[in-house]
């Protein structure tokens, strides 16, 4: 069974590009344009990984990650994929529990390498609680 990735970004072009790239790599992909929709999709889609924008309407990616950490014993891994590239932004993302914080633009090779690393790390992570 293909590993599942949920891509969350309010930019339709970014969503489409990531969805196509990941499907070509053999992943099962779902998309959401905001954090609330992503949180609603998670119980049904059961993603192994979220690629999450930080700046979105409603809830930020950081807020979505914090909710995931509270609600799930073994939440999906999270890679932030953001235009916000300041050190404080990156530190906040990592402290919230992200596997990686990538600043747009990212090469396809770097993106896929980080996704594979995040999925392997999750496979070895013990559920909390």
Protein backbone atom coordinates (compact mmCIF):
# COMPACT_ATOMS: atom_id res chain seq x y z
CA UNK A 1 0.00 0.00 0.00
CA UNK A 2 1.30 3.42 -0.92
CA UNK A 3 2.22 5.80 1.85
CA UNK A 4 -0.22 8.67 2.26
CA UNK A 5 0.66 12.34 2.23
CA UNK A 6 -1.70 15.21 2.99
CA UNK A 7 -0.60 18.50 1.42
CA UNK A 8 -1.98 21.63 3.06
CA UNK A 9 -1.45 25.02 1.39
CA UNK A 10 -3.73 27.94 0.56
CA UNK A 11 -1.96 28.55 -2.78
CA UNK A 12 -3.66 26.44 -5.51
CA UNK A 13 -0.52 26.40 -7.69
CA UNK A 14 1.63 25.06 -4.87
CA UNK A 15 -0.98 22.43 -4.01
CA UNK A 16 -1.17 21.21 -7.62
CA UNK A 17 2.60 21.13 -8.08
CA UNK A 18 3.14 19.16 -4.88
CA UNK A 19 0.25 16.79 -5.61
CA UNK A 20 1.56 15.97 -9.10
CA UNK A 21 5.17 15.57 -7.89
CA UNK A 22 4.17 13.23 -5.07
CA UNK A 23 1.82 11.12 -7.19
CA UNK A 24 4.62 10.64 -9.73
CA UNK A 25 6.75 9.33 -6.83
CA UNK A 26 4.07 6.75 -6.03
CA UNK A 27 2.47 8.34 -2.96
CA UNK A 28 -1.25 8.51 -2.33
CA UNK A 29 -2.04 12.22 -2.00
CA UNK A 30 -4.87 14.30 -0.59
CA UNK A 31 -4.94 18.09 -0.47
CA UNK A 32 -6.50 20.79 1.69
CA UNK A 33 -6.47 24.57 1.35
CA UNK A 34 -6.66 25.34 5.07
CA UNK A 35 -5.88 23.85 8.44
CA UNK A 36 -9.47 23.10 9.47
CA UNK A 37 -10.11 21.08 6.31
CA UNK A 38 -6.84 19.21 6.90
CA UNK A 39 -7.84 18.32 10.46
CA UNK A 40 -11.20 17.05 9.18
CA UNK A 41 -9.51 14.89 6.50
CA UNK A 42 -6.98 13.22 8.81
CA UNK A 43 -9.27 10.64 10.52
CA UNK A 44 -10.54 9.36 7.15
CA UNK A 45 -7.40 9.67 4.99
CA UNK A 46 -4.96 8.58 7.73
CA UNK A 47 -1.86 10.28 6.30
CA UNK A 48 1.64 9.18 7.19
CA UNK A 49 2.94 12.69 6.53
CA UNK A 50 1.64 16.25 6.26
CA UNK A 51 3.34 18.84 4.11
CA UNK A 52 2.06 21.95 5.79
CA UNK A 53 2.21 25.63 4.89
CA UNK A 54 2.73 27.95 7.86
CA UNK A 55 0.79 31.02 6.71
CA UNK A 56 -2.82 30.06 5.98
CA UNK A 57 -6.20 31.65 6.61
CA UNK A 58 -7.93 30.59 9.82
CA UNK A 59 -5.30 28.46 11.53
CA UNK A 60 -1.59 28.62 10.97
CA UNK A 61 0.36 25.47 10.20
CA UNK A 62 1.89 25.73 13.68
CA UNK A 63 -1.59 25.63 15.24
CA UNK A 64 -2.54 22.62 13.12
CA UNK A 65 0.59 20.75 14.23
CA UNK A 66 -0.07 21.53 17.90
CA UNK A 67 -3.62 20.14 17.56
CA UNK A 68 -2.28 16.99 15.90
CA UNK A 69 0.17 16.44 18.76
CA UNK A 70 -2.67 16.74 21.31
CA UNK A 71 -5.20 14.55 19.46
CA UNK A 72 -3.10 11.63 18.21
CA UNK A 73 -0.80 9.24 20.06
CA UNK A 74 1.19 8.70 16.85
CA UNK A 75 0.46 11.73 14.67
CA UNK A 76 1.64 11.95 11.08
CA UNK A 77 5.09 13.43 10.60
CA UNK A 78 5.01 17.08 9.54
CA UNK A 79 7.22 18.95 7.12
CA UNK A 80 6.62 22.67 7.03
CA UNK A 81 6.84 24.08 3.52
CA UNK A 82 6.75 27.84 3.86
CA UNK A 83 7.79 31.17 2.42
CA UNK A 84 8.45 32.34 6.01
CA UNK A 85 12.15 31.64 6.28
CA UNK A 86 13.31 33.65 9.26
CA UNK A 87 15.22 31.91 12.03
CA UNK A 88 12.45 32.62 14.60
CA UNK A 89 9.87 31.07 12.23
CA UNK A 90 11.99 27.97 11.72
CA UNK A 91 12.68 27.61 15.44
CA UNK A 92 8.96 27.92 16.24
CA UNK A 93 8.14 25.23 13.67
CA UNK A 94 10.75 22.83 14.96
CA UNK A 95 9.82 23.47 18.61
CA UNK A 96 6.19 22.71 17.73
CA UNK A 97 7.36 19.26 16.64
CA UNK A 98 7.95 19.39 12.90
CA UNK A 99 10.31 16.86 11.36
CA UNK A 100 11.70 19.54 9.03
CA UNK A 101 11.11 23.16 8.08
CA UNK A 102 11.67 23.80 4.38
CA UNK A 103 11.69 27.30 2.91
CA UNK A 104 10.15 27.75 -0.55
CA UNK A 105 11.38 27.22 -3.17
CA UNK A 106 12.78 23.73 -2.60
CA UNK A 107 14.25 21.49 -5.28
CA UNK A 108 12.30 18.36 -6.12
CA UNK A 109 15.28 16.21 -5.05
CA UNK A 110 15.50 17.91 -1.62
CA UNK A 111 11.75 17.66 -1.14
CA UNK A 112 11.61 13.94 -1.92
CA UNK A 113 14.69 13.22 0.21
CA UNK A 114 13.12 15.00 3.21
CA UNK A 115 9.80 13.20 2.69
CA UNK A 116 11.52 9.81 2.64
CA UNK A 117 13.47 10.68 5.80
CA UNK A 118 10.32 11.84 7.60
CA UNK A 119 8.46 8.66 6.68
CA UNK A 120 11.31 6.44 7.88
CA UNK A 121 11.56 8.41 11.14
CA UNK A 122 7.83 8.01 11.76
CA UNK A 123 8.03 4.27 11.20
CA UNK A 124 10.51 4.02 14.09
CA UNK A 125 8.78 6.51 16.41
CA UNK A 126 6.97 5.12 19.42
CA UNK A 127 3.44 6.42 20.03
CA UNK A 128 3.16 8.79 22.98
CA UNK A 129 0.62 8.49 25.73
